[in-house]
Amino acid sequence: MILSERARRLEPSATLAVVAKAKAMKREGKPVISFGAGEPDFNSPESALRYGKEAMDAGHTHYTPGTGIPELREAVCSYYKDRFGLEYAPGDVVIGAGAKILLYEALSCIVDPGDEVIVFAPAWVSYVEQIRLCEGKEVIIDTSETGFIPDLDIVRKAITSRTRCIMINSPNNPTGAVYDEKTLKGLASLAVEHDITIIYDEIYEQLVYGKAKHHQIVALAPEARDNVIVVNGVSKAYAMTGWRIGYAMGPSKVMSKIGSLQGHLTSNPCSVAQYAALGALKEAHDDIVTMHGHFSARRELILKLLADMPLIKFVEPEGAFYVLMDVREALGKKQGDEVISDDISFCQRLLESSYVAMVPGSAFYAPGHIRVSYSNSTEDITEGMRRLKEFLESLA
């Protein structure tokens, strides 16, 4: 069988690969603690479970409209009006089988072969692969020297006649950075000036901590409304990763095309999962507050433990549930006879010798770094960080 060039170019998800290997080792009886997946360890809210069960009992197990059930699209509009003061019509909302497919559909509807898409690195692993699947060209702008926030002058210089899109992820995966008001207004202004589409991925928008504030870019810069596709979902803040429900909204011209494309790719998202998401959006506010409190405490714990470790540095994250650690001081050192040559070998040795799974930063265009998720239990964080410190102290 001859594979297409597209398939040959495609790189597997590093995050999923780490999670799969950690689970395989657990099945072998090894005491693995995984900090790889961005997945809350809480159960989905009771309202989500109840609405899902009621949907099954009522026979809502058939096709729905391809863009999602009207009730859920209306609930998304109500959420954005109540939370951000934004008015969207249900017809401008598309419900998808997770936010990931909606990101790909959005790119597919605005990127032609050879078009350029600006991506701020470190960046989530799937952005670049999706751009390449659309035969676009990624333009990577490194933010590691500017506190993981893009420099507007550098962005301006990167824009060409082929620039079609800027992908923004705030709060950010893998850095936990939360973009400030000035930066977002500047990016919105550039998008309007050059007629560029912004894909605004705010899947972690309810997960910010301390004095940090999440800014909704359309609310902040309403003049850019026709240049912005917003992508969000219930996976992270609502602990509903397995239900696979995301949503996108934007100008009707592009949203209608995204809906048509989805009809050919997935048909509708799971009917039962849509009703579960409806229950979460309507009734799970108290659950979100409770989970946020746990994430905040876990963040404080892991930052305290990491601050006491040798050979690593990090910028304190303000959102999401990740810390991106700089481990370059550890590279070139040995554990026994094994040389830690890069972030990939660091993660391999850490998993094999200490049974701790983390994701190499190279997967996020951040070589020499490691992403650790603190969506785990307090007990796992405490024990996992003890093992990490012991591992670091063993390097010579």
Protein backbone atom coordinates (compact mmCIF):
# COMPACT_ATOMS: atom_id res chain seq x y z
CA MET A 1 0.00 0.00 0.00
CA ILE A 2 1.35 3.44 -0.95
CA LEU A 3 0.76 6.16 1.60
CA SER A 4 -0.03 9.71 0.54
CA GLU A 5 2.56 12.40 1.03
CA ARG A 6 0.15 14.00 3.50
CA ALA A 7 0.11 10.88 5.64
CA ARG A 8 3.89 10.46 5.42
CA ARG A 9 4.42 14.03 6.67
CA LEU A 10 2.05 13.67 9.60
CA GLU A 11 3.60 13.43 13.06
CA PRO A 12 1.69 11.62 15.83
CA SER A 13 0.51 13.55 18.88
CA ALA A 14 3.37 13.53 21.40
CA THR A 15 0.92 14.06 24.24
CA LEU A 16 -1.17 11.03 23.31
CA ALA A 17 2.00 8.98 22.78
CA VAL A 18 3.22 9.73 26.31
CA VAL A 19 -0.19 8.95 27.79
CA ALA A 20 -0.39 5.66 25.87
CA LYS A 21 3.07 4.56 27.01
CA ALA A 22 2.33 5.49 30.62
CA LYS A 23 -0.92 3.52 30.56
CA ALA A 24 0.82 0.53 29.01
CA MET A 25 3.43 0.55 31.78
CA LYS A 26 0.68 0.82 34.39
CA ARG A 27 -0.97 -2.27 32.90
CA GLU A 28 2.35 -4.04 33.39
CA GLY A 29 2.10 -3.25 37.09
CA LYS A 30 4.59 -0.39 37.19
CA PRO A 31 3.78 2.51 39.59
CA VAL A 32 3.63 5.18 36.90
CA ILE A 33 2.43 8.68 37.70
CA SER A 34 1.52 10.54 34.52
CA PHE A 35 1.69 14.30 34.19
CA GLY A 36 1.28 14.02 30.42
CA ALA A 37 -2.37 14.55 29.61
CA GLY A 38 -4.22 17.83 29.98
CA GLU A 39 -7.14 16.05 31.57
CA PRO A 40 -8.87 16.87 34.88
CA ASP A 41 -9.10 13.92 37.25
CA PHE A 42 -12.59 14.92 38.43
CA ASN A 43 -15.78 13.24 37.30
CA SER A 44 -18.02 15.18 34.94
CA PRO A 45 -20.62 17.40 36.68
CA GLU A 46 -23.76 15.73 37.98
CA SER A 47 -25.90 17.92 35.73
CA ALA A 48 -24.01 16.65 32.67
CA LEU A 49 -24.51 13.04 33.70
CA ARG A 50 -28.20 13.63 34.42
CA TYR A 51 -28.91 15.41 31.13
CA GLY A 52 -27.05 12.67 29.24
CA LYS A 53 -29.05 9.92 30.94
CA GLU A 54 -32.32 11.76 30.38
CA ALA A 55 -31.43 12.14 26.70
CA MET A 56 -30.90 8.39 26.38
CA ASP A 57 -34.11 7.63 28.26
CA ALA A 58 -35.98 10.02 25.97
CA GLY A 59 -34.60 8.33 22.85
CA HIS A 60 -32.32 11.19 21.76
CA THR A 61 -29.90 8.70 20.23
CA HIS A 62 -30.31 9.57 16.56
CA TYR A 63 -28.93 12.13 14.12
CA THR A 64 -29.11 15.77 15.16
CA PRO A 65 -28.59 18.84 12.98
CA GLY A 66 -25.02 18.73 11.72
CA THR A 67 -24.11 21.93 13.54
CA GLY A 68 -25.58 20.77 16.85
CA ILE A 69 -28.90 20.73 18.66
CA PRO A 70 -30.61 24.16 18.83
CA GLU A 71 -30.79 24.04 22.63
CA LEU A 72 -27.02 23.72 22.98
CA ARG A 73 -26.26 26.42 20.43
CA GLU A 74 -28.65 28.72 22.29
CA ALA A 75 -26.95 27.86 25.59
CA VAL A 76 -23.55 28.76 24.12
CA CYS A 77 -24.94 32.13 23.02
CA SER A 78 -26.41 32.72 26.49
CA TYR A 79 -23.09 31.81 28.11
CA TYR A 80 -21.15 34.31 25.98
CA LYS A 81 -23.73 37.02 26.58
CA ASP A 82 -23.72 36.51 30.36
CA ARG A 83 -19.95 36.06 30.71
CA PHE A 84 -18.59 38.49 28.12
CA GLY A 85 -21.54 40.66 27.03
CA LEU A 86 -21.32 39.33 23.47
CA GLU A 87 -24.32 38.81 21.21
CA TYR A 88 -24.10 35.80 18.91
CA ALA A 89 -26.98 34.14 17.09
CA PRO A 90 -27.43 30.35 17.33
CA GLY A 91 -26.93 30.19 13.57
CA ASP A 92 -23.40 31.51 14.03
CA VAL A 93 -22.48 28.67 16.41
CA VAL A 94 -21.24 25.23 15.35
CA ILE A 95 -21.04 22.39 17.86
CA GLY A 96 -18.25 19.93 17.09
CA ALA A 97 -16.87 16.61 18.34
CA GLY A 98 -14.39 18.46 20.53
CA ALA A 99 -12.63 21.78 19.99
CA LYS A 100 -9.86 20.05 18.01
CA ILE A 101 -12.00 19.20 14.99
CA LEU A 102 -13.39 22.74 14.96
CA LEU A 103 -9.87 24.18 14.83
CA TYR A 104 -9.12 21.98 11.83
CA GLU A 105 -12.42 22.86 10.14
CA ALA A 106 -11.78 26.58 10.69
CA LEU A 107 -8.31 26.33 9.15
CA SER A 108 -9.70 24.31 6.25
CA CYS A 109 -12.17 27.06 5.45
CA ILE A 110 -9.66 29.93 5.41
CA VAL A 111 -6.30 28.43 4.32
CA ASP A 112 -5.37 27.58 0.74
CA PRO A 113 -2.15 25.77 -0.29
CA GLY A 114 0.83 28.00 0.39
CA ASP A 115 -1.04 30.39 2.69
CA GLU A 116 0.74 31.35 5.91
CA VAL A 117 -0.54 30.94 9.47
CA ILE A 118 1.22 32.64 12.38
CA VAL A 119 1.69 30.43 15.43
CA PHE A 120 3.17 31.56 18.73
CA ALA A 121 5.62 29.05 20.18
CA PRO A 122 5.58 27.25 22.52
CA ALA A 123 2.35 26.04 20.94
CA TRP A 124 -0.11 23.20 21.35
CA VAL A 125 1.05 20.13 19.43
CA SER A 126 -1.81 19.93 16.90
CA TYR A 127 -1.76 23.48 15.50
CA VAL A 128 1.14 22.99 13.11
CA GLU A 129 0.05 19.53 11.98
CA GLN A 130 -3.43 20.85 11.18
CA ILE A 131 -1.98 23.76 9.20
CA ARG A 132 0.11 21.32 7.20
CA LEU A 133 -2.91 19.09 6.58
CA CYS A 134 -4.50 22.16 4.98
CA GLU A 135 -1.31 22.55 2.89
CA GLY A 136 -0.62 25.84 4.60
CA LYS A 137 2.73 27.05 5.90
CA GLU A 138 3.29 27.68 9.59
CA VAL A 139 5.17 30.83 10.57
CA ILE A 140 6.53 30.20 14.05
CA ILE A 141 7.14 33.18 16.33
CA ASP A 142 9.11 32.29 19.44
CA THR A 143 7.88 33.89 22.67
CA SER A 144 10.32 32.22 25.07
CA GLU A 145 12.36 35.43 25.45
CA THR A 146 9.32 37.66 26.08
CA GLY A 147 7.63 35.84 28.95
CA PHE A 148 5.65 33.63 26.54
CA ILE A 149 3.69 36.68 25.32
CA PRO A 150 4.24 37.68 21.64
CA ASP A 151 6.06 40.90 20.77
CA LEU A 152 3.80 42.95 18.51
CA ASP A 153 6.70 44.40 16.52
CA ILE A 154 7.92 40.90 15.68
CA VAL A 155 4.38 39.86 14.68
CA ARG A 156 4.04 42.89 12.43
CA LYS A 157 7.28 42.06 10.63
CA ALA A 158 6.16 38.43 10.13
CA ILE A 159 3.01 39.42 8.23
CA THR A 160 3.19 39.00 4.44
CA SER A 161 0.77 39.07 1.55
CA ARG A 162 0.18 35.34 2.13
CA THR A 163 -0.69 35.63 5.83
CA ARG A 164 -4.25 34.37 6.30
CA CYS A 165 -4.49 33.55 9.98
CA ILE A 166 -3.08 34.15 13.46
CA MET A 167 -3.70 31.39 16.01
CA ILE A 168 -4.02 32.61 19.59
CA ASN A 169 -4.33 30.29 22.58
CA SER A 170 -4.97 32.07 25.89
CA PRO A 171 -4.71 30.80 28.56
CA ASN A 172 -1.95 28.93 26.82
CA ASN A 173 -1.06 25.28 26.50
CA PRO A 174 1.77 24.47 27.30
CA THR A 175 2.99 27.62 29.08
CA GLY A 176 -0.02 28.65 31.17
CA ALA A 177 0.50 32.24 29.93
CA VAL A 178 -2.53 34.54 29.91
CA TYR A 179 -2.37 37.21 27.21
CA ASP A 180 -2.72 40.79 28.44
CA GLU A 181 -5.15 43.39 27.18
CA LYS A 182 -2.58 45.45 25.28
CA THR A 183 -1.24 42.44 23.37
CA LEU A 184 -4.68 41.20 22.38
CA LYS A 185 -5.79 44.65 21.24
CA GLY A 186 -2.60 44.94 19.20
CA LEU A 187 -3.12 41.56 17.55
CA ALA A 188 -6.75 42.44 16.80
CA SER A 189 -5.66 45.72 15.22
CA LEU A 190 -3.15 43.91 12.99
CA ALA A 191 -5.85 41.44 11.94
CA VAL A 192 -8.20 44.22 10.90
CA GLU A 193 -5.47 46.21 9.17
CA HIS A 194 -4.31 43.26 7.05
CA ASP A 195 -7.65 41.40 6.80
CA ILE A 196 -6.30 38.39 8.68
CA THR A 197 -8.46 35.86 10.50
CA ILE A 198 -7.75 35.23 14.17
CA ILE A 199 -8.59 31.78 15.50
CA TYR A 200 -9.01 32.45 19.21
CA ASP A 201 -8.68 29.23 21.17
CA GLU A 202 -9.90 29.94 24.69
CA ILE A 203 -10.61 26.39 25.85
CA TYR A 204 -8.99 27.21 29.25
CA GLU A 205 -10.74 30.57 29.72
CA GLN A 206 -12.32 29.62 33.06
CA LEU A 207 -8.99 28.40 34.44
CA VAL A 208 -7.05 31.54 35.49
CA TYR A 209 -5.53 32.15 38.92
CA GLY A 210 -4.47 34.86 41.31
CA LYS A 211 -4.73 38.36 39.88
CA ALA A 212 -4.72 37.16 36.27
CA LYS A 213 -7.75 37.91 34.11
CA HIS A 214 -8.85 36.25 30.91
CA HIS A 215 -9.73 38.71 28.16
CA GLN A 216 -12.20 37.75 25.44
CA ILE A 217 -10.73 39.26 22.29
CA VAL A 218 -14.03 40.16 20.57
CA ALA A 219 -15.31 41.85 23.72
CA LEU A 220 -11.99 43.67 24.02
CA ALA A 221 -11.78 44.70 20.35
CA PRO A 222 -15.31 44.64 18.85
CA GLU A 223 -14.01 46.20 15.65
CA ALA A 224 -12.28 42.86 14.95
CA ARG A 225 -15.45 40.79 15.34
CA ASP A 226 -15.64 39.91 11.64
CA ASN A 227 -12.00 38.73 11.75
CA VAL A 228 -12.34 36.34 14.70
CA ILE A 229 -13.40 32.70 15.00
CA VAL A 230 -13.77 31.78 18.67
CA VAL A 231 -13.18 28.15 19.70
CA ASN A 232 -14.11 26.80 23.13
CA GLY A 233 -15.65 23.68 24.68
CA VAL A 234 -16.54 21.74 27.81
CA SER A 235 -13.51 19.43 27.98
CA LYS A 236 -11.24 21.28 30.41
CA ALA A 237 -13.14 23.45 32.88
CA TYR A 238 -16.06 20.99 33.02
CA ALA A 239 -13.91 17.82 33.20
CA MET A 240 -15.68 16.40 30.13
CA THR A 241 -12.76 15.39 27.90
CA GLY A 242 -14.29 12.06 26.88
CA TRP A 243 -17.65 13.52 25.85
CA ARG A 244 -15.91 15.29 22.93
CA ILE A 245 -17.97 18.48 22.70
CA GLY A 246 -16.53 21.78 21.55
CA TYR A 247 -18.09 24.84 19.96
CA ALA A 248 -17.05 27.63 17.63
CA MET A 249 -18.63 30.93 16.69
CA GLY A 250 -17.86 33.73 14.30
CA PRO A 251 -19.05 35.54 11.16
CA SER A 252 -21.94 33.75 9.47
CA LYS A 253 -20.07 33.58 6.15
CA VAL A 254 -17.35 31.32 7.54
CA MET A 255 -19.48 29.51 10.13
CA SER A 256 -21.87 28.28 7.46
CA LYS A 257 -18.91 26.81 5.58
CA ILE A 258 -17.53 25.22 8.75
CA GLY A 259 -20.93 23.64 9.30
CA SER A 260 -21.02 22.32 5.73
CA LEU A 261 -17.49 20.91 6.02
CA GLN A 262 -18.35 19.21 9.30
CA GLY A 263 -21.32 17.56 7.62
CA HIS A 264 -18.90 15.79 5.31
CA LEU A 265 -16.32 14.94 8.00
CA THR A 266 -18.19 13.82 11.10
CA SER A 267 -21.89 14.45 10.55
CA ASN A 268 -23.21 15.67 13.90
CA PRO A 269 -21.42 15.36 17.24
CA CYS A 270 -22.71 12.61 19.55
CA SER A 271 -26.33 13.38 20.40
CA VAL A 272 -26.13 12.22 24.03
CA ALA A 273 -22.89 14.15 24.60
CA GLN A 274 -24.54 17.31 23.31
CA TYR A 275 -27.28 17.04 25.90
CA ALA A 276 -24.67 16.38 28.60
CA ALA A 277 -22.86 19.56 27.54
CA LEU A 278 -26.16 21.41 27.69
CA GLY A 279 -26.59 20.28 31.30
CA ALA A 280 -23.07 21.43 32.13
CA LEU A 281 -23.49 24.89 30.60
CA LYS A 282 -26.86 25.42 32.28
CA GLU A 283 -26.32 23.98 35.76
CA ALA A 284 -22.67 23.20 36.54
CA HIS A 285 -21.49 26.61 37.79
CA ASP A 286 -20.93 25.42 41.36
CA ASP A 287 -18.95 22.41 40.10
CA ILE A 288 -16.69 24.73 38.10
CA VAL A 289 -16.01 26.89 41.16
CA THR A 290 -15.13 23.80 43.21
CA MET A 291 -12.81 22.34 40.57
CA HIS A 292 -11.15 25.73 40.04
CA GLY A 293 -10.39 25.88 43.75
CA HIS A 294 -8.68 22.48 43.59
CA PHE A 295 -6.66 23.48 40.50
CA SER A 296 -5.57 26.69 42.22
CA ALA A 297 -4.36 24.76 45.28
CA ARG A 298 -2.56 22.22 43.10
CA ARG A 299 -0.86 25.01 41.19
CA GLU A 300 0.44 26.53 44.41
CA LEU A 301 1.65 23.11 45.57
CA ILE A 302 3.52 22.19 42.39
CA LEU A 303 5.14 25.63 42.07
CA LYS A 304 6.36 25.39 45.67
CA LEU A 305 7.82 21.92 45.06
CA LEU A 306 9.43 22.86 41.74
CA ALA A 307 11.03 25.96 43.26
CA ASP A 308 13.08 23.69 45.52
CA MET A 309 14.59 21.63 42.69
CA PRO A 310 18.02 21.89 41.03
CA LEU A 311 18.70 22.27 37.29
CA ILE A 312 15.28 23.65 36.30
CA LYS A 313 13.72 27.08 35.75
CA PHE A 314 10.18 28.12 34.94
CA VAL A 315 7.87 31.09 34.42
CA GLU A 316 4.94 30.94 36.83
CA PRO A 317 1.80 30.05 34.84
CA GLU A 318 -1.30 32.20 35.32
CA GLY A 319 -3.82 29.91 33.63
CA ALA A 320 -4.69 26.43 32.33
CA PHE A 321 -3.07 23.61 34.36
CA TYR A 322 0.48 23.33 33.05
CA VAL A 323 3.99 24.38 33.97
CA LEU A 324 6.63 24.52 31.22
CA MET A 325 9.99 23.74 32.82
CA ASP A 326 13.32 24.76 31.32
CA VAL A 327 15.62 21.75 31.80
CA ARG A 328 18.54 22.88 29.64
CA GLU A 329 20.88 22.93 32.63
CA ALA A 330 20.28 19.17 32.96
CA LEU A 331 21.17 18.39 29.36
CA GLY A 332 24.55 16.80 28.82
CA LYS A 333 24.53 15.29 32.29
CA LYS A 334 24.39 11.57 32.98
CA GLN A 335 22.17 9.27 34.96
CA GLY A 336 24.44 6.30 35.47
CA ASP A 337 25.85 5.55 32.03
CA GLU A 338 22.98 7.25 30.19
CA VAL A 339 23.53 10.76 28.79
CA ILE A 340 20.57 13.15 28.93
CA SER A 341 21.08 14.70 25.51
CA ASP A 342 17.80 16.56 24.99
CA ASP A 343 14.29 17.00 26.40
CA ILE A 344 13.12 13.80 24.70
CA SER A 345 15.80 11.64 26.34
CA PHE A 346 15.12 13.47 29.63
CA CYS A 347 11.48 12.34 29.51
CA GLN A 348 12.44 8.82 28.46
CA ARG A 349 14.88 8.38 31.35
CA LEU A 350 12.47 9.95 33.83
CA LEU A 351 9.74 7.52 32.80
CA GLU A 352 11.94 4.44 32.65
CA SER A 353 13.86 5.05 35.88
CA SER A 354 11.39 6.97 38.07
CA TYR A 355 8.04 6.01 36.52
CA VAL A 356 7.07 9.65 35.98
CA ALA A 357 5.56 10.62 32.61
CA MET A 358 5.90 14.15 31.21
CA VAL A 359 5.80 15.58 27.69
CA PRO A 360 9.00 16.82 25.97
CA GLY A 361 8.91 20.48 25.04
CA SER A 362 10.09 19.73 21.50
CA ALA A 363 6.53 18.63 20.78
CA PHE A 364 5.45 22.22 21.51
CA TYR A 365 8.31 23.87 19.57
CA ALA A 366 10.09 24.44 22.90
CA PRO A 367 13.19 22.22 22.84
CA GLY A 368 15.00 21.96 26.15
CA HIS A 369 11.75 22.24 28.05
CA ILE A 370 9.32 19.79 29.68
CA ARG A 371 5.56 20.22 30.15
CA VAL A 372 4.07 19.01 33.42
CA SER A 373 0.32 19.02 34.03
CA TYR A 374 -1.01 19.66 37.53
CA SER A 375 -4.49 18.32 36.79
CA ASN A 376 -3.53 15.30 38.93
CA SER A 377 -4.48 14.68 42.55
CA THR A 378 -2.53 16.33 45.36
CA GLU A 379 -1.13 12.93 46.31
CA ASP A 380 0.15 12.27 42.78
CA ILE A 381 1.68 15.73 42.54
CA THR A 382 3.49 15.34 45.86
CA GLU A 383 4.87 11.89 45.04
CA GLY A 384 5.63 12.72 41.41
CA MET A 385 7.58 15.83 42.32
CA ARG A 386 9.50 13.88 44.97
CA ARG A 387 10.56 11.43 42.25
CA LEU A 388 11.45 14.26 39.85
CA LYS A 389 13.65 15.95 42.46
CA GLU A 390 15.35 12.63 43.21
CA PHE A 391 15.92 12.12 39.46
CA LEU A 392 17.43 15.59 39.05
CA GLU A 393 19.71 15.10 42.05
CA SER A 394 20.95 11.82 40.53
CA LEU A 395 22.30 13.55 37.42
CA ALA A 396 26.03 14.11 37.26
